[in-house]
Amino acid sequence: MIEIGRLDRRISIESLSEAEDIYGQDTGDWSLFCRVWANVKPVNVREQVQAMAMTGNVTHTIAIRYRASLSDPKVVAAMRVKYGSRIFNIVGCRDHEEAHRFLILACVEGSVDGK
């Protein structure tokens, strides 16, 4: 069970903007989707070995309060988390205990696109 008091880190969840430059090309910029309180937790070695079998190289799990707008794993996997100067690419999410109280984001630290 996750305790609400453990959501003690302020993070930004960002999505790729659909803005275009003057030539009609996608700018590829990230824009703020929402700012939420979270629990940012490094994955321990055992969890990492299990996660590598499923997703590659999950380095952190980030717990946030449930938001319907973030409950679709396909939509969330195209987003990223910004925590201070750190970037976490979201590789998956799940509804903790299917209770619609918390979402757990499986993340890989480091920007893929260099931004």
PDB file of N, CA and C in Angstrom:
ATOM      1  N   MET A   1       0.841  -1.189   0.000  1.00  0.00           N
ATOM      2  CA  MET A   1       0.000   0.000   0.000  1.00  0.00           C
ATOM      3  C   MET A   1       0.882   1.247   0.000  1.00  0.00           C
ATOM      4  N   ILE A   2       0.515   2.189  -0.791  1.00  0.00           N
ATOM      5  CA  ILE A   2       1.252   3.452  -0.876  1.00  0.00           C
ATOM      6  C   ILE A   2       0.592   4.450   0.067  1.00  0.00           C
ATOM      7  N   GLU A   3       1.408   5.142   0.836  1.00  0.00           N
ATOM      8  CA  GLU A   3       0.895   6.176   1.721  1.00  0.00           C
ATOM      9  C   GLU A   3       0.971   7.515   1.014  1.00  0.00           C
ATOM     10  N   ILE A   4      -0.087   8.300   1.116  1.00  0.00           N
ATOM     11  CA  ILE A   4      -0.158   9.582   0.426  1.00  0.00           C
ATOM     12  C   ILE A   4       0.978  10.511   0.865  1.00  0.00           C
ATOM     13  N   GLY A   5       1.417  10.402   2.117  1.00  0.00           N
ATOM     14  CA  GLY A   5       2.493  11.239   2.620  1.00  0.00           C
ATOM     15  C   GLY A   5       3.838  10.976   1.965  1.00  0.00           C
ATOM     16  N   ARG A   6       3.974   9.830   1.315  1.00  0.00           N
ATOM     17  CA  ARG A   6       5.235   9.502   0.630  1.00  0.00           C
ATOM     18  C   ARG A   6       5.351  10.183  -0.729  1.00  0.00           C
ATOM     19  N   LEU A   7       4.285  10.793  -1.195  1.00  0.00           N
ATOM     20  CA  LEU A   7       4.338  11.540  -2.461  1.00  0.00           C
ATOM     21  C   LEU A   7       4.892  12.919  -2.143  1.00  0.00           C
ATOM     22  N   ASP A   8       6.217  12.987  -1.989  1.00  0.00           N
ATOM     23  CA  ASP A   8       6.862  14.191  -1.461  1.00  0.00           C
ATOM     24  C   ASP A   8       7.802  14.874  -2.448  1.00  0.00           C
ATOM     25  N   ARG A   9       7.732  14.494  -3.709  1.00  0.00           N
ATOM     26  CA  ARG A   9       8.564  15.107  -4.740  1.00  0.00           C
ATOM     27  C   ARG A   9       7.658  15.730  -5.795  1.00  0.00           C
ATOM     28  N   ARG A  10       7.971  16.947  -6.199  1.00  0.00           N
ATOM     29  CA  ARG A  10       7.179  17.634  -7.217  1.00  0.00           C
ATOM     30  C   ARG A  10       7.788  17.338  -8.577  1.00  0.00           C
ATOM     31  N   ILE A  11       7.015  16.752  -9.469  1.00  0.00           N
ATOM     32  CA  ILE A  11       7.503  16.402 -10.799  1.00  0.00           C
ATOM     33  C   ILE A  11       6.618  17.045 -11.870  1.00  0.00           C
ATOM     34  N   SER A  12       7.149  17.114 -13.063  1.00  0.00           N
ATOM     35  CA  SER A  12       6.382  17.563 -14.221  1.00  0.00           C
ATOM     36  C   SER A  12       6.288  16.398 -15.190  1.00  0.00           C
ATOM     37  N   ILE A  13       5.092  16.160 -15.690  1.00  0.00           N
ATOM     38  CA  ILE A  13       4.902  15.167 -16.731  1.00  0.00           C
ATOM     39  C   ILE A  13       4.728  15.950 -18.023  1.00  0.00           C
ATOM     40  N   GLU A  14       5.547  15.586 -19.006  1.00  0.00           N
ATOM     41  CA  GLU A  14       5.569  16.329 -20.257  1.00  0.00           C
ATOM     42  C   GLU A  14       5.162  15.434 -21.426  1.00  0.00           C
ATOM     43  N   SER A  15       4.562  16.055 -22.424  1.00  0.00           N
ATOM     44  CA  SER A  15       4.203  15.346 -23.649  1.00  0.00           C
ATOM     45  C   SER A  15       4.807  16.099 -24.833  1.00  0.00           C
ATOM     46  N   LEU A  16       4.986  15.392 -25.913  1.00  0.00           N
ATOM     47  CA  LEU A  16       5.494  16.041 -27.123  1.00  0.00           C
ATOM     48  C   LEU A  16       4.439  16.995 -27.648  1.00  0.00           C
ATOM     49  N   SER A  17       4.841  18.220 -27.895  1.00  0.00           N
ATOM     50  CA  SER A  17       3.880  19.197 -28.417  1.00  0.00           C
ATOM     51  C   SER A  17       3.643  18.921 -29.892  1.00  0.00           C
ATOM     52  N   GLU A  18       2.505  19.325 -30.350  1.00  0.00           N
ATOM     53  CA  GLU A  18       2.163  19.127 -31.754  1.00  0.00           C
ATOM     54  C   GLU A  18       2.385  20.410 -32.548  1.00  0.00           C
ATOM     55  N   ALA A  19       3.269  21.258 -32.047  1.00  0.00           N
ATOM     56  CA  ALA A  19       3.549  22.524 -32.720  1.00  0.00           C
ATOM     57  C   ALA A  19       4.397  22.283 -33.968  1.00  0.00           C
ATOM     58  N   GLU A  20       4.194  23.149 -34.949  1.00  0.00           N
ATOM     59  CA  GLU A  20       4.963  23.060 -36.184  1.00  0.00           C
ATOM     60  C   GLU A  20       5.734  24.350 -36.392  1.00  0.00           C
ATOM     61  N   ASP A  21       6.879  24.230 -37.040  1.00  0.00           N
ATOM     62  CA  ASP A  21       7.643  25.429 -37.370  1.00  0.00           C
ATOM     63  C   ASP A  21       7.057  26.069 -38.641  1.00  0.00           C
ATOM     64  N   ILE A  22       7.695  27.104 -39.137  1.00  0.00           N
ATOM     65  CA  ILE A  22       7.149  27.833 -40.288  1.00  0.00           C
ATOM     66  C   ILE A  22       7.148  26.995 -41.567  1.00  0.00           C
ATOM     67  N   TYR A  23       7.877  25.875 -41.568  1.00  0.00           N
ATOM     68  CA  TYR A  23       7.927  24.999 -42.731  1.00  0.00           C
ATOM     69  C   TYR A  23       6.970  23.809 -42.608  1.00  0.00           C
ATOM     70  N   GLY A  24       6.179  23.802 -41.524  1.00  0.00           N
ATOM     71  CA  GLY A  24       5.222  22.723 -41.321  1.00  0.00           C
ATOM     72  C   GLY A  24       5.809  21.468 -40.712  1.00  0.00           C
ATOM     73  N   GLN A  25       7.049  21.552 -40.252  1.00  0.00           N
ATOM     74  CA  GLN A  25       7.714  20.407 -39.626  1.00  0.00           C
ATOM     75  C   GLN A  25       7.422  20.390 -38.131  1.00  0.00           C
ATOM     76  N   ASP A  26       7.247  19.190 -37.582  1.00  0.00           N
ATOM     77  CA  ASP A  26       7.027  19.044 -36.141  1.00  0.00           C
ATOM     78  C   ASP A  26       8.259  19.546 -35.403  1.00  0.00           C
ATOM     79  N   THR A  27       8.064  20.386 -34.377  1.00  0.00           N
ATOM     80  CA  THR A  27       9.197  20.959 -33.646  1.00  0.00           C
ATOM     81  C   THR A  27       9.844  19.956 -32.703  1.00  0.00           C
ATOM     82  N   GLY A  28       9.105  18.946 -32.283  1.00  0.00           N
ATOM     83  CA  GLY A  28       9.672  17.941 -31.380  1.00  0.00           C
ATOM     84  C   GLY A  28       9.934  18.464 -29.992  1.00  0.00           C
ATOM     85  N   ASP A  29       9.278  19.557 -29.615  1.00  0.00           N
ATOM     86  CA  ASP A  29       9.465  20.131 -28.282  1.00  0.00           C
ATOM     87  C   ASP A  29       8.534  19.467 -27.280  1.00  0.00           C
ATOM     88  N   TRP A  30       8.974  19.453 -26.033  1.00  0.00           N
ATOM     89  CA  TRP A  30       8.167  18.903 -24.939  1.00  0.00           C
ATOM     90  C   TRP A  30       7.412  20.041 -24.270  1.00  0.00           C
ATOM     91  N   SER A  31       6.162  19.771 -23.907  1.00  0.00           N
ATOM     92  CA  SER A  31       5.365  20.775 -23.200  1.00  0.00           C
ATOM     93  C   SER A  31       4.776  20.153 -21.935  1.00  0.00           C
ATOM     94  N   LEU A  32       4.497  20.999 -20.983  1.00  0.00           N
ATOM     95  CA  LEU A  32       3.962  20.544 -19.701  1.00  0.00           C
ATOM     96  C   LEU A  32       2.573  19.953 -19.883  1.00  0.00           C
ATOM     97  N   PHE A  33       2.387  18.729 -19.413  1.00  0.00           N
ATOM     98  CA  PHE A  33       1.077  18.087 -19.411  1.00  0.00           C
ATOM     99  C   PHE A  33       0.414  18.309 -18.058  1.00  0.00           C
ATOM    100  N   CYS A  34       1.177  18.057 -16.984  1.00  0.00           N
ATOM    101  CA  CYS A  34       0.672  18.318 -15.630  1.00  0.00           C
ATOM    102  C   CYS A  34       1.839  18.315 -14.646  1.00  0.00           C
ATOM    103  N   ARG A  35       1.616  18.916 -13.498  1.00  0.00           N
ATOM    104  CA  ARG A  35       2.576  18.917 -12.399  1.00  0.00           C
ATOM    105  C   ARG A  35       1.904  18.198 -11.235  1.00  0.00           C
ATOM    106  N   VAL A  36       2.577  17.197 -10.684  1.00  0.00           N
ATOM    107  CA  VAL A  36       1.982  16.384  -9.625  1.00  0.00           C
ATOM    108  C   VAL A  36       3.007  16.069  -8.539  1.00  0.00           C
ATOM    109  N   TRP A  37       2.505  15.639  -7.395  1.00  0.00           N
ATOM    110  CA  TRP A  37       3.353  15.138  -6.322  1.00  0.00           C
ATOM    111  C   TRP A  37       3.596  13.663  -6.574  1.00  0.00           C
ATOM    112  N   ALA A  38       4.815  13.204  -6.271  1.00  0.00           N
ATOM    113  CA  ALA A  38       5.184  11.833  -6.593  1.00  0.00           C
ATOM    114  C   ALA A  38       6.164  11.261  -5.585  1.00  0.00           C
ATOM    115  N   ASN A  39       6.313   9.952  -5.659  1.00  0.00           N
ATOM    116  CA  ASN A  39       7.355   9.233  -4.945  1.00  0.00           C
ATOM    117  C   ASN A  39       8.284   8.667  -6.005  1.00  0.00           C
ATOM    118  N   VAL A  40       9.519   9.139  -6.030  1.00  0.00           N
ATOM    119  CA  VAL A  40      10.508   8.698  -7.016  1.00  0.00           C
ATOM    120  C   VAL A  40      11.408   7.690  -6.325  1.00  0.00           C
ATOM    121  N   LYS A  41      11.404   6.456  -6.839  1.00  0.00           N
ATOM    122  CA  LYS A  41      12.135   5.387  -6.161  1.00  0.00           C
ATOM    123  C   LYS A  41      13.033   4.644  -7.145  1.00  0.00           C
ATOM    124  N   PRO A  42      14.344   4.600  -6.861  1.00  0.00           N
ATOM    125  CA  PRO A  42      15.221   3.793  -7.705  1.00  0.00           C
ATOM    126  C   PRO A  42      14.836   2.313  -7.586  1.00  0.00           C
ATOM    127  N   VAL A  43      14.954   1.596  -8.673  1.00  0.00           N
ATOM    128  CA  VAL A  43      14.638   0.174  -8.671  1.00  0.00           C
ATOM    129  C   VAL A  43      15.836  -0.570  -8.097  1.00  0.00           C
ATOM    130  N   ASN A  44      15.578  -1.489  -7.155  1.00  0.00           N
ATOM    131  CA  ASN A  44      16.700  -2.241  -6.600  1.00  0.00           C
ATOM    132  C   ASN A  44      17.163  -3.300  -7.593  1.00  0.00           C
ATOM    133  N   VAL A  45      18.271  -3.942  -7.319  1.00  0.00           N
ATOM    134  CA  VAL A  45      18.893  -4.865  -8.268  1.00  0.00           C
ATOM    135  C   VAL A  45      17.947  -6.002  -8.648  1.00  0.00           C
ATOM    136  N   ARG A  46      17.280  -6.590  -7.682  1.00  0.00           N
ATOM    137  CA  ARG A  46      16.377  -7.711  -7.976  1.00  0.00           C
ATOM    138  C   ARG A  46      15.224  -7.259  -8.869  1.00  0.00           C
ATOM    139  N   GLU A  47      14.632  -6.124  -8.528  1.00  0.00           N
ATOM    140  CA  GLU A  47      13.547  -5.592  -9.356  1.00  0.00           C
ATOM    141  C   GLU A  47      14.045  -5.275 -10.750  1.00  0.00           C
ATOM    142  N   GLN A  48      15.280  -4.763 -10.845  1.00  0.00           N
ATOM    143  CA  GLN A  48      15.827  -4.385 -12.149  1.00  0.00           C
ATOM    144  C   GLN A  48      16.016  -5.617 -13.031  1.00  0.00           C
ATOM    145  N   VAL A  49      16.485  -6.714 -12.464  1.00  0.00           N
ATOM    146  CA  VAL A  49      16.665  -7.938 -13.236  1.00  0.00           C
ATOM    147  C   VAL A  49      15.313  -8.413 -13.758  1.00  0.00           C
ATOM    148  N   GLN A  50      14.277  -8.359 -12.915  1.00  0.00           N
ATOM    149  CA  GLN A  50      12.941  -8.768 -13.350  1.00  0.00           C
ATOM    150  C   GLN A  50      12.412  -7.808 -14.413  1.00  0.00           C
ATOM    151  N   ALA A  51      12.628  -6.524 -14.226  1.00  0.00           N
ATOM    152  CA  ALA A  51      12.122  -5.529 -15.175  1.00  0.00           C
ATOM    153  C   ALA A  51      12.834  -5.632 -16.515  1.00  0.00           C
ATOM    154  N   MET A  52      14.103  -5.969 -16.500  1.00  0.00           N
ATOM    155  CA  MET A  52      14.857  -6.069 -17.757  1.00  0.00           C
ATOM    156  C   MET A  52      14.269  -7.154 -18.653  1.00  0.00           C
ATOM    157  N   ALA A  53      13.733  -8.187 -18.052  1.00  0.00           N
ATOM    158  CA  ALA A  53      13.128  -9.247 -18.842  1.00  0.00           C
ATOM    159  C   ALA A  53      11.877  -8.748 -19.553  1.00  0.00           C
ATOM    160  N   MET A  54      11.214  -7.754 -18.966  1.00  0.00           N
ATOM    161  CA  MET A  54       9.966  -7.262 -19.541  1.00  0.00           C
ATOM    162  C   MET A  54      10.156  -6.021 -20.400  1.00  0.00           C
ATOM    163  N   THR A  55      10.915  -5.043 -19.918  1.00  0.00           N
ATOM    164  CA  THR A  55      10.920  -3.761 -20.606  1.00  0.00           C
ATOM    165  C   THR A  55      12.291  -3.267 -21.043  1.00  0.00           C
ATOM    166  N   GLY A  56      13.339  -3.898 -20.667  1.00  0.00           N
ATOM    167  CA  GLY A  56      14.649  -3.416 -21.084  1.00  0.00           C
ATOM    168  C   GLY A  56      15.486  -2.992 -19.910  1.00  0.00           C
ATOM    169  N   ASN A  57      15.349  -1.742 -19.488  1.00  0.00           N
ATOM    170  CA  ASN A  57      16.220  -1.265 -18.423  1.00  0.00           C
ATOM    171  C   ASN A  57      15.512  -0.237 -17.536  1.00  0.00           C
ATOM    172  N   VAL A  58      14.481  -0.653 -16.848  1.00  0.00           N
ATOM    173  CA  VAL A  58      13.774   0.235 -15.933  1.00  0.00           C
ATOM    174  C   VAL A  58      14.714   0.605 -14.796  1.00  0.00           C
ATOM    175  N   THR A  59      14.873   1.899 -14.528  1.00  0.00           N
ATOM    176  CA  THR A  59      15.780   2.334 -13.474  1.00  0.00           C
ATOM    177  C   THR A  59      15.048   2.911 -12.261  1.00  0.00           C
ATOM    178  N   HIS A  60      13.807   3.373 -12.468  1.00  0.00           N
ATOM    179  CA  HIS A  60      13.046   3.982 -11.380  1.00  0.00           C
ATOM    180  C   HIS A  60      11.558   3.664 -11.529  1.00  0.00           C
ATOM    181  N   THR A  61      10.871   3.652 -10.402  1.00  0.00           N
ATOM    182  CA  THR A  61       9.418   3.652 -10.429  1.00  0.00           C
ATOM    183  C   THR A  61       8.973   4.960  -9.795  1.00  0.00           C
ATOM    184  N   ILE A  62       7.945   5.547 -10.361  1.00  0.00           N
ATOM    185  CA  ILE A  62       7.432   6.815  -9.865  1.00  0.00           C
ATOM    186  C   ILE A  62       5.946   6.631  -9.593  1.00  0.00           C
ATOM    187  N   ALA A  63       5.559   6.807  -8.338  1.00  0.00           N
ATOM    188  CA  ALA A  63       4.157   6.669  -7.944  1.00  0.00           C
ATOM    189  C   ALA A  63       3.518   8.054  -7.889  1.00  0.00           C
ATOM    190  N   ILE A  64       2.333   8.160  -8.476  1.00  0.00           N
ATOM    191  CA  ILE A  64       1.561   9.404  -8.436  1.00  0.00           C
ATOM    192  C   ILE A  64       0.113   9.057  -8.109  1.00  0.00           C
ATOM    193  N   ARG A  65      -0.664  10.063  -7.726  1.00  0.00           N
ATOM    194  CA  ARG A  65      -2.091   9.829  -7.529  1.00  0.00           C
ATOM    195  C   ARG A  65      -2.730   9.521  -8.873  1.00  0.00           C
ATOM    196  N   TYR A  66      -3.757   8.710  -8.833  1.00  0.00           N
ATOM    197  CA  TYR A  66      -4.445   8.290 -10.048  1.00  0.00           C
ATOM    198  C   TYR A  66      -5.039   9.493 -10.776  1.00  0.00           C
ATOM    199  N   ARG A  67      -4.846   9.518 -12.076  1.00  0.00           N
ATOM    200  CA  ARG A  67      -5.464  10.518 -12.955  1.00  0.00           C
ATOM    201  C   ARG A  67      -5.980   9.763 -14.168  1.00  0.00           C
ATOM    202  N   ALA A  68      -7.243   9.927 -14.470  1.00  0.00           N
ATOM    203  CA  ALA A  68      -7.829   9.226 -15.614  1.00  0.00           C
ATOM    204  C   ALA A  68      -7.098   9.573 -16.902  1.00  0.00           C
ATOM    205  N   SER A  69      -6.616  10.809 -17.022  1.00  0.00           N
ATOM    206  CA  SER A  69      -5.929  11.236 -18.233  1.00  0.00           C
ATOM    207  C   SER A  69      -4.578  10.539 -18.421  1.00  0.00           C
ATOM    208  N   LEU A  70      -4.092   9.881 -17.379  1.00  0.00           N
ATOM    209  CA  LEU A  70      -2.810   9.172 -17.462  1.00  0.00           C
ATOM    210  C   LEU A  70      -2.970   7.661 -17.322  1.00  0.00           C
ATOM    211  N   SER A  71      -4.181   7.161 -17.412  1.00  0.00           N
ATOM    212  CA  SER A  71      -4.411   5.741 -17.159  1.00  0.00           C
ATOM    213  C   SER A  71      -4.205   4.843 -18.378  1.00  0.00           C
ATOM    214  N   ASP A  72      -4.092   5.426 -19.564  1.00  0.00           N
ATOM    215  CA  ASP A  72      -3.863   4.633 -20.772  1.00  0.00           C
ATOM    216  C   ASP A  72      -2.359   4.433 -20.967  1.00  0.00           C
ATOM    217  N   PRO A  73      -1.869   3.202 -20.809  1.00  0.00           N
ATOM    218  CA  PRO A  73      -0.425   2.955 -20.910  1.00  0.00           C
ATOM    219  C   PRO A  73       0.196   3.391 -22.235  1.00  0.00           C
ATOM    220  N   LYS A  74      -0.544   3.289 -23.327  1.00  0.00           N
ATOM    221  CA  LYS A  74      -0.001   3.684 -24.633  1.00  0.00           C
ATOM    222  C   LYS A  74       0.217   5.192 -24.702  1.00  0.00           C
ATOM    223  N   VAL A  75      -0.705   5.952 -24.138  1.00  0.00           N
ATOM    224  CA  VAL A  75      -0.576   7.409 -24.132  1.00  0.00           C
ATOM    225  C   VAL A  75       0.574   7.827 -23.224  1.00  0.00           C
ATOM    226  N   VAL A  76       0.642   7.233 -22.052  1.00  0.00           N
ATOM    227  CA  VAL A  76       1.662   7.600 -21.060  1.00  0.00           C
ATOM    228  C   VAL A  76       3.061   7.214 -21.535  1.00  0.00           C
ATOM    229  N   ALA A  77       3.182   6.129 -22.276  1.00  0.00           N
ATOM    230  CA  ALA A  77       4.501   5.686 -22.761  1.00  0.00           C
ATOM    231  C   ALA A  77       5.119   6.681 -23.741  1.00  0.00           C
ATOM    232  N   ALA A  78       4.329   7.593 -24.263  1.00  0.00           N
ATOM    233  CA  ALA A  78       4.859   8.623 -25.166  1.00  0.00           C
ATOM    234  C   ALA A  78       5.220   9.896 -24.408  1.00  0.00           C
ATOM    235  N   MET A  79       5.147   9.857 -23.082  1.00  0.00           N
ATOM    236  CA  MET A  79       5.440  11.022 -22.250  1.00  0.00           C
ATOM    237  C   MET A  79       6.750  10.819 -21.502  1.00  0.00           C
ATOM    238  N   ARG A  80       7.142  11.856 -20.783  1.00  0.00           N
ATOM    239  CA  ARG A  80       8.336  11.755 -19.943  1.00  0.00           C
ATOM    240  C   ARG A  80       8.095  12.534 -18.656  1.00  0.00           C
ATOM    241  N   VAL A  81       8.948  12.259 -17.672  1.00  0.00           N
ATOM    242  CA  VAL A  81       8.891  12.932 -16.374  1.00  0.00           C
ATOM    243  C   VAL A  81      10.122  13.805 -16.242  1.00  0.00           C
ATOM    244  N   LYS A  82       9.920  15.004 -15.766  1.00  0.00           N
ATOM    245  CA  LYS A  82      11.038  15.894 -15.462  1.00  0.00           C
ATOM    246  C   LYS A  82      11.017  16.128 -13.953  1.00  0.00           C
ATOM    247  N   TYR A  83      12.136  15.810 -13.310  1.00  0.00           N
ATOM    248  CA  TYR A  83      12.281  15.971 -11.864  1.00  0.00           C
ATOM    249  C   TYR A  83      13.553  16.780 -11.640  1.00  0.00           C
ATOM    250  N   GLY A  84      13.398  18.058 -11.369  1.00  0.00           N
ATOM    251  CA  GLY A  84      14.557  18.942 -11.293  1.00  0.00           C
ATOM    252  C   GLY A  84      15.196  18.999 -12.663  1.00  0.00           C
ATOM    253  N   SER A  85      16.482  18.685 -12.733  1.00  0.00           N
ATOM    254  CA  SER A  85      17.173  18.679 -14.024  1.00  0.00           C
ATOM    255  C   SER A  85      17.226  17.278 -14.632  1.00  0.00           C
ATOM    256  N   ARG A  86      16.613  16.316 -13.957  1.00  0.00           N
ATOM    257  CA  ARG A  86      16.648  14.928 -14.417  1.00  0.00           C
ATOM    258  C   ARG A  86      15.459  14.623 -15.326  1.00  0.00           C
ATOM    259  N   ILE A  87      15.693  13.762 -16.301  1.00  0.00           N
ATOM    260  CA  ILE A  87      14.660  13.350 -17.250  1.00  0.00           C
ATOM    261  C   ILE A  87      14.457  11.839 -17.118  1.00  0.00           C
ATOM    262  N   PHE A  88      13.199  11.424 -17.038  1.00  0.00           N
ATOM    263  CA  PHE A  88      12.842  10.006 -16.975  1.00  0.00           C
ATOM    264  C   PHE A  88      11.877   9.702 -18.111  1.00  0.00           C
ATOM    265  N   ASN A  89      12.251   8.811 -18.994  1.00  0.00           N
ATOM    266  CA  ASN A  89      11.361   8.378 -20.065  1.00  0.00           C
ATOM    267  C   ASN A  89      10.438   7.300 -19.513  1.00  0.00           C
ATOM    268  N   ILE A  90       9.152   7.445 -19.726  1.00  0.00           N
ATOM    269  CA  ILE A  90       8.168   6.491 -19.215  1.00  0.00           C
ATOM    270  C   ILE A  90       8.067   5.332 -20.194  1.00  0.00           C
ATOM    271  N   VAL A  91       8.258   4.110 -19.692  1.00  0.00           N
ATOM    272  CA  VAL A  91       8.152   2.931 -20.545  1.00  0.00           C
ATOM    273  C   VAL A  91       6.882   2.138 -20.278  1.00  0.00           C
ATOM    274  N   GLY A  92       6.175   2.470 -19.216  1.00  0.00           N
ATOM    275  CA  GLY A  92       4.928   1.788 -18.904  1.00  0.00           C
ATOM    276  C   GLY A  92       4.306   2.344 -17.646  1.00  0.00           C
ATOM    277  N   CYS A  93       3.048   2.002 -17.430  1.00  0.00           N
ATOM    278  CA  CYS A  93       2.377   2.408 -16.203  1.00  0.00           C
ATOM    279  C   CYS A  93       1.358   1.352 -15.827  1.00  0.00           C
ATOM    280  N   ARG A  94       1.001   1.349 -14.561  1.00  0.00           N
ATOM    281  CA  ARG A  94      -0.033   0.427 -14.097  1.00  0.00           C
ATOM    282  C   ARG A  94      -0.830   1.073 -12.978  1.00  0.00           C
ATOM    283  N   ASP A  95      -2.067   0.681 -12.879  1.00  0.00           N
ATOM    284  CA  ASP A  95      -2.968   1.133 -11.823  1.00  0.00           C
ATOM    285  C   ASP A  95      -2.678   0.269 -10.595  1.00  0.00           C
ATOM    286  N   HIS A  96      -2.082   0.858  -9.571  1.00  0.00           N
ATOM    287  CA  HIS A  96      -1.679   0.114  -8.372  1.00  0.00           C
ATOM    288  C   HIS A  96      -2.889  -0.551  -7.726  1.00  0.00           C
ATOM    289  N   GLU A  97      -2.857  -1.866  -7.641  1.00  0.00           N
ATOM    290  CA  GLU A  97      -3.917  -2.697  -7.056  1.00  0.00           C
ATOM    291  C   GLU A  97      -5.266  -2.503  -7.745  1.00  0.00           C
ATOM    292  N   GLU A  98      -5.266  -1.948  -8.973  1.00  0.00           N
ATOM    293  CA  GLU A  98      -6.497  -1.711  -9.735  1.00  0.00           C
ATOM    294  C   GLU A  98      -7.551  -0.977  -8.905  1.00  0.00           C
ATOM    295  N   ALA A  99      -7.081  -0.082  -8.039  1.00  0.00           N
ATOM    296  CA  ALA A  99      -7.979   0.627  -7.114  1.00  0.00           C
ATOM    297  C   ALA A  99      -8.262   2.063  -7.540  1.00  0.00           C
ATOM    298  N   HIS A 100      -7.679   2.521  -8.637  1.00  0.00           N
ATOM    299  CA  HIS A 100      -7.843   3.911  -9.101  1.00  0.00           C
ATOM    300  C   HIS A 100      -7.452   4.921  -8.029  1.00  0.00           C
ATOM    301  N   ARG A 101      -6.400   4.596  -7.283  1.00  0.00           N
ATOM    302  CA  ARG A 101      -5.880   5.533  -6.281  1.00  0.00           C
ATOM    303  C   ARG A 101      -4.493   6.027  -6.656  1.00  0.00           C
ATOM    304  N   PHE A 102      -3.665   5.133  -7.200  1.00  0.00           N
ATOM    305  CA  PHE A 102      -2.295   5.475  -7.560  1.00  0.00           C
ATOM    306  C   PHE A 102      -1.930   4.863  -8.900  1.00  0.00           C
ATOM    307  N   LEU A 103      -1.060   5.551  -9.626  1.00  0.00           N
ATOM    308  CA  LEU A 103      -0.466   5.013 -10.842  1.00  0.00           C
ATOM    309  C   LEU A 103       1.024   4.831 -10.585  1.00  0.00           C
ATOM    310  N   ILE A 104       1.573   3.744 -11.054  1.00  0.00           N
ATOM    311  CA  ILE A 104       3.001   3.480 -10.947  1.00  0.00           C
ATOM    312  C   ILE A 104       3.592   3.587 -12.351  1.00  0.00           C
ATOM    313  N   LEU A 105       4.518   4.518 -12.515  1.00  0.00           N
ATOM    314  CA  LEU A 105       5.182   4.729 -13.793  1.00  0.00           C
ATOM    315  C   LEU A 105       6.533   4.010 -13.776  1.00  0.00           C
ATOM    316  N   ALA A 106       6.779   3.133 -14.734  1.00  0.00           N
ATOM    317  CA  ALA A 106       8.076   2.477 -14.881  1.00  0.00           C
ATOM    318  C   ALA A 106       8.898   3.373 -15.818  1.00  0.00           C
ATOM    319  N   CYS A 107      10.076   3.795 -15.349  1.00  0.00           N
ATOM    320  CA  CYS A 107      10.838   4.790 -16.088  1.00  0.00           C
ATOM    321  C   CYS A 107      12.295   4.410 -16.266  1.00  0.00           C
ATOM    322  N   VAL A 108      12.883   4.995 -17.307  1.00  0.00           N
ATOM    323  CA  VAL A 108      14.312   4.873 -17.577  1.00  0.00           C
ATOM    324  C   VAL A 108      14.885   6.282 -17.492  1.00  0.00           C
ATOM    325  N   GLU A 109      15.899   6.455 -16.666  1.00  0.00           N
ATOM    326  CA  GLU A 109      16.485   7.796 -16.533  1.00  0.00           C
ATOM    327  C   GLU A 109      17.363   8.097 -17.728  1.00  0.00           C
ATOM    328  N   GLY A 110      17.265   9.317 -18.200  1.00  0.00           N
ATOM    329  CA  GLY A 110      18.077   9.788 -19.318  1.00  0.00           C
ATOM    330  C   GLY A 110      17.207  10.129 -20.502  1.00  0.00           C
ATOM    331  N   SER A 111      17.506  11.238 -21.118  1.00  0.00           N
ATOM    332  CA  SER A 111      16.725  11.699 -22.257  1.00  0.00           C
ATOM    333  C   SER A 111      17.122  10.937 -23.509  1.00  0.00           C
ATOM    334  N   VAL A 112      16.153  10.412 -24.212  1.00  0.00           N
ATOM    335  CA  VAL A 112      16.395   9.697 -25.457  1.00  0.00           C
ATOM    336  C   VAL A 112      16.638  10.659 -26.606  1.00  0.00           C
ATOM    337  N   ASP A 113      15.936  11.791 -26.584  1.00  0.00           N
ATOM    338  CA  ASP A 113      16.005  12.716 -27.717  1.00  0.00           C
ATOM    339  C   ASP A 113      17.017  13.839 -27.542  1.00  0.00           C
ATOM    340  N   GLY A 114      17.756  13.831 -26.435  1.00  0.00           N
ATOM    341  CA  GLY A 114      18.785  14.828 -26.233  1.00  0.00           C
ATOM    342  C   GLY A 114      18.291  16.189 -25.771  1.00  0.00           C
ATOM    343  N   LYS A 115      16.990  16.308 -25.469  1.00  0.00           N
ATOM    344  CA  LYS A 115      16.442  17.592 -25.037  1.00  0.00           C
ATOM    345  C   LYS A 115      16.302  17.638 -23.544  1.00  0.00           C
TER     346      LYS A 115
END
